Amino acid sequence: NTREFFRASTQSNERILTLSAALYDTTDSLREAARIKIKKYQPESLLVVGGNTKSKASITTCEALSILQESTDLRILATWDPNHPFIDLQTKMDAGAAGVITQPVLSTIGWKHIDDYFTTPITGFQMIPGIALPKNTNALRFWSSLLEMPPENDDWFNQSLERMTDKDSRQNWSKEQLDRLLEHDGIHGLHFMPMGNTEDLLNLFVD
């Protein structure tokens, strides 16, 4: 069992527990779920995500951040899509997020937001950028659809599509994304999103 192996082999101070705000419609239900999960998994941090099964009664991500920030001493993380307006990051910080795990950076504006943040990083705030590892043009277009990006209007994305035509070009593209992110001082980790493309993920670690 993969989850049991993870719990047995990963120290608690290396674990991030994910909570989906969309699953809860009251403050008490969110707090109780967090209490139970924290006791079971003993994580170092909590990651609050919006979730896909939203209802009109669901707690919003920012509401969940505020509730959990007042309910636990654990570090509370949020998600952030740098390919969209920068104000979303500030909103989550104001709600109590002590850091973010980002969606993959797949656009000109996305890289500008990441580079701008690291120009003057915030002391104590954890920035953990995401890296997608698409295996072909369809996989990269899937990411653009998932993130609701307008790829036809972005030169960086269109140039990336051209790099998906063969294995060497694709893997060099992935390595370039990794190197660009690691150039920044103050980075607190990376979130790899291979979507089943373990070949390219392992290639990054070998290099």
Protein backbone atom coordinates (compact mmCIF):
# COMPACT_ATOMS: atom_id res chain seq x y z
CA ASN A 1 0.00 0.00 0.00
CA THR A 2 1.59 3.25 -1.18
CA ARG A 3 0.07 5.40 1.56
CA GLU A 4 1.21 3.05 4.31
CA PHE A 5 4.71 3.01 2.82
CA PHE A 6 4.71 6.82 2.75
CA ARG A 7 3.68 7.08 6.39
CA ALA A 8 6.28 4.49 7.44
CA SER A 9 9.17 5.99 5.48
CA THR A 10 8.54 9.75 5.75
CA GLN A 11 9.31 11.69 8.90
CA SER A 12 6.36 13.70 10.25
CA ASN A 13 8.30 16.95 9.90
CA GLU A 14 8.44 16.30 6.14
CA ARG A 15 4.72 15.70 5.64
CA ILE A 16 2.19 18.12 4.19
CA LEU A 17 -1.46 17.24 4.79
CA THR A 18 -3.99 18.45 2.20
CA LEU A 19 -7.47 19.67 3.16
CA SER A 20 -10.08 20.55 0.53
CA ALA A 21 -12.19 23.54 1.58
CA ALA A 22 -15.00 22.45 -0.75
CA LEU A 23 -15.73 19.39 1.39
CA TYR A 24 -16.83 21.45 4.40
CA ASP A 25 -19.77 23.77 4.90
CA THR A 26 -19.24 24.86 8.51
CA THR A 27 -16.35 26.08 10.62
CA ASP A 28 -16.85 23.24 13.10
CA SER A 29 -16.79 20.52 10.43
CA LEU A 30 -13.50 21.85 9.02
CA ARG A 31 -11.90 22.16 12.45
CA GLU A 32 -12.95 18.64 13.43
CA ALA A 33 -11.68 17.13 10.19
CA ALA A 34 -8.36 18.95 10.62
CA ARG A 35 -8.08 17.74 14.24
CA ILE A 36 -8.66 14.11 13.27
CA LYS A 37 -6.29 14.18 10.29
CA ILE A 38 -3.54 15.99 12.19
CA LYS A 39 -3.71 13.42 14.98
CA LYS A 40 -3.56 10.54 12.46
CA TYR A 41 -0.85 11.79 10.10
CA GLN A 42 1.13 14.20 12.32
CA PRO A 43 2.10 16.53 9.45
CA GLU A 44 4.51 19.47 9.53
CA SER A 45 2.15 21.66 7.49
CA LEU A 46 -1.42 21.85 6.20
CA LEU A 47 -2.15 22.61 2.54
CA VAL A 48 -5.56 24.16 1.88
CA VAL A 49 -6.96 23.65 -1.62
CA GLY A 50 -10.26 24.71 -3.10
CA GLY A 51 -11.34 21.29 -4.34
CA ASN A 52 -13.55 20.27 -7.24
CA THR A 53 -16.86 19.41 -5.56
CA LYS A 54 -17.97 22.90 -4.57
CA SER A 55 -21.48 23.72 -3.45
CA LYS A 56 -23.05 27.06 -2.58
CA ALA A 57 -22.60 26.23 1.09
CA SER A 58 -18.92 25.27 0.81
CA ILE A 59 -16.30 27.16 2.77
CA THR A 60 -14.04 29.18 0.49
CA THR A 61 -10.29 28.68 0.42
CA CYS A 62 -9.64 32.01 2.13
CA GLU A 63 -12.24 31.26 4.81
CA ALA A 64 -10.59 27.88 5.44
CA LEU A 65 -7.17 29.53 5.70
CA SER A 66 -8.45 31.95 8.32
CA ILE A 67 -10.24 29.22 10.31
CA LEU A 68 -7.25 26.87 10.37
CA GLN A 69 -4.79 29.65 11.11
CA GLU A 70 -6.73 30.29 14.30
CA SER A 71 -7.21 26.58 15.10
CA THR A 72 -3.70 25.10 14.88
CA ASP A 73 -0.06 25.98 15.37
CA LEU A 74 0.91 24.13 12.19
CA ARG A 75 2.13 26.07 9.18
CA ILE A 76 -0.80 26.70 6.81
CA LEU A 77 -0.06 26.61 3.08
CA ALA A 78 -2.27 27.51 0.14
CA THR A 79 -2.09 26.97 -3.60
CA TRP A 80 -1.36 29.72 -6.10
CA ASP A 81 -1.51 29.83 -9.89
CA PRO A 82 1.18 32.30 -11.04
CA ASN A 83 -0.29 32.24 -14.56
CA HIS A 84 -3.17 34.38 -13.27
CA PRO A 85 -3.34 37.79 -11.55
CA PHE A 86 -0.82 38.38 -8.76
CA ILE A 87 -3.53 39.69 -6.42
CA ASP A 88 -4.60 36.11 -5.68
CA LEU A 89 -1.32 35.53 -3.81
CA GLN A 90 -1.75 38.62 -1.62
CA THR A 91 -5.35 37.65 -0.85
CA LYS A 92 -4.26 34.24 0.46
CA MET A 93 -1.44 35.78 2.46
CA ASP A 94 -3.93 38.18 4.06
CA ALA A 95 -6.14 35.20 4.96
CA GLY A 96 -3.33 33.56 6.89
CA ALA A 97 -1.30 31.49 4.42
CA ALA A 98 2.31 31.14 5.55
CA GLY A 99 3.37 29.85 2.15
CA VAL A 100 2.13 28.53 -1.19
CA ILE A 101 2.65 25.57 -3.47
CA THR A 102 2.19 26.84 -7.00
CA GLN A 103 0.72 25.44 -10.15
CA PRO A 104 3.30 24.91 -12.91
CA VAL A 105 4.67 28.07 -14.50
CA LEU A 106 3.53 27.84 -18.13
CA SER A 107 3.25 31.40 -19.41
CA THR A 108 5.14 34.64 -19.84
CA ILE A 109 3.14 36.32 -17.07
CA GLY A 110 3.60 33.27 -14.84
CA TRP A 111 7.39 33.54 -15.02
CA LYS A 112 7.18 37.29 -14.45
CA HIS A 113 5.18 36.74 -11.27
CA ILE A 114 7.64 34.12 -9.98
CA ASP A 115 10.68 36.26 -10.84
CA ASP A 116 9.08 39.37 -9.33
CA TYR A 117 8.31 37.55 -6.08
CA PHE A 118 11.90 36.37 -5.65
CA THR A 119 13.22 39.86 -6.32
CA THR A 120 11.96 40.78 -2.85
CA PRO A 121 10.96 37.50 -1.12
CA ILE A 122 8.97 37.75 2.09
CA THR A 123 10.83 36.64 5.20
CA GLY A 124 9.27 33.52 6.71
CA PHE A 125 6.95 32.92 3.74
CA GLN A 126 7.41 29.59 1.94
CA MET A 127 7.33 29.66 -1.86
CA ILE A 128 7.29 26.14 -3.38
CA PRO A 129 6.99 26.34 -7.18
CA GLY A 130 5.39 23.57 -9.20
CA ILE A 131 6.94 21.90 -12.24
CA ALA A 132 4.85 20.07 -14.83
CA LEU A 133 6.46 17.28 -16.87
CA PRO A 134 4.31 16.96 -20.01
CA LYS A 135 5.27 14.12 -22.33
CA ASN A 136 3.79 15.56 -25.52
CA THR A 137 1.84 18.52 -26.89
CA ASN A 138 -1.49 17.02 -25.79
CA ALA A 139 -0.25 16.79 -22.20
CA LEU A 140 0.93 20.40 -22.24
CA ARG A 141 -2.38 21.53 -23.73
CA PHE A 142 -4.15 19.58 -20.97
CA TRP A 143 -2.31 21.71 -18.40
CA SER A 144 -3.30 24.92 -20.18
CA SER A 145 -6.93 23.79 -20.19
CA LEU A 146 -6.78 22.78 -16.52
CA LEU A 147 -5.35 26.17 -15.57
CA GLU A 148 -7.76 27.99 -17.90
CA MET A 149 -4.92 29.66 -19.77
CA PRO A 150 -5.23 31.24 -23.24
CA PRO A 151 -2.25 29.49 -24.93
CA GLU A 152 -2.86 31.01 -28.36
CA ASN A 153 -2.00 34.43 -26.89
CA ASP A 154 1.24 33.50 -25.13
CA ASP A 155 4.59 33.27 -26.91
CA TRP A 156 6.30 31.36 -24.09
CA PHE A 157 3.63 28.66 -24.08
CA ASN A 158 3.64 28.33 -27.87
CA GLN A 159 7.43 27.99 -27.90
CA SER A 160 7.11 25.31 -25.23
CA LEU A 161 4.69 23.37 -27.45
CA GLU A 162 7.41 23.21 -30.10
CA ARG A 163 9.76 21.59 -27.57
CA MET A 164 7.39 18.66 -27.04
CA THR A 165 8.11 17.11 -30.45
CA ASP A 166 10.88 14.72 -29.35
CA LYS A 167 12.27 13.20 -26.17
CA ASP A 168 15.56 15.10 -25.98
CA SER A 169 13.99 18.49 -26.63
CA ARG A 170 11.22 17.79 -24.10
CA GLN A 171 13.61 16.67 -21.38
CA ASN A 172 15.89 19.65 -21.99
CA TRP A 173 12.82 21.89 -21.63
CA SER A 174 12.04 20.33 -18.25
CA LYS A 175 15.65 20.75 -17.10
CA GLU A 176 15.57 24.43 -18.13
CA GLN A 177 12.46 25.00 -15.98
CA LEU A 178 14.16 23.35 -13.01
CA ASP A 179 17.38 25.33 -13.42
CA ARG A 180 15.52 28.62 -13.77
CA LEU A 181 13.60 28.04 -10.55
CA LEU A 182 16.68 26.91 -8.61
CA GLU A 183 18.48 30.12 -9.55
CA HIS A 184 16.28 31.97 -7.06
CA ASP A 185 17.46 32.43 -3.49
CA GLY A 186 14.83 31.77 -0.87
CA ILE A 187 13.08 28.87 -2.63
CA HIS A 188 11.67 26.41 -0.07
CA GLY A 189 11.24 23.35 -2.26
CA LEU A 190 9.73 22.16 -5.51
CA HIS A 191 6.48 20.39 -6.33
CA PHE A 192 6.94 17.94 -9.22
CA MET A 193 3.77 17.07 -11.18
CA PRO A 194 4.72 14.32 -13.66
CA MET A 195 1.15 13.13 -14.38
CA GLY A 196 2.52 9.64 -14.91
CA ASN A 197 5.66 10.78 -16.77
CA THR A 198 8.10 9.21 -14.34
CA GLU A 199 10.71 8.80 -17.08
CA ASP A 200 11.32 12.55 -17.31
CA LEU A 201 11.09 12.93 -13.53
CA LEU A 202 13.83 10.36 -12.98
CA ASN A 203 15.87 11.99 -15.73
CA LEU A 204 15.85 15.26 -13.77
CA PHE A 205 17.13 13.51 -10.66
CA VAL A 206 19.86 11.68 -12.57
CA ASP A 207 21.08 14.94 -14.07
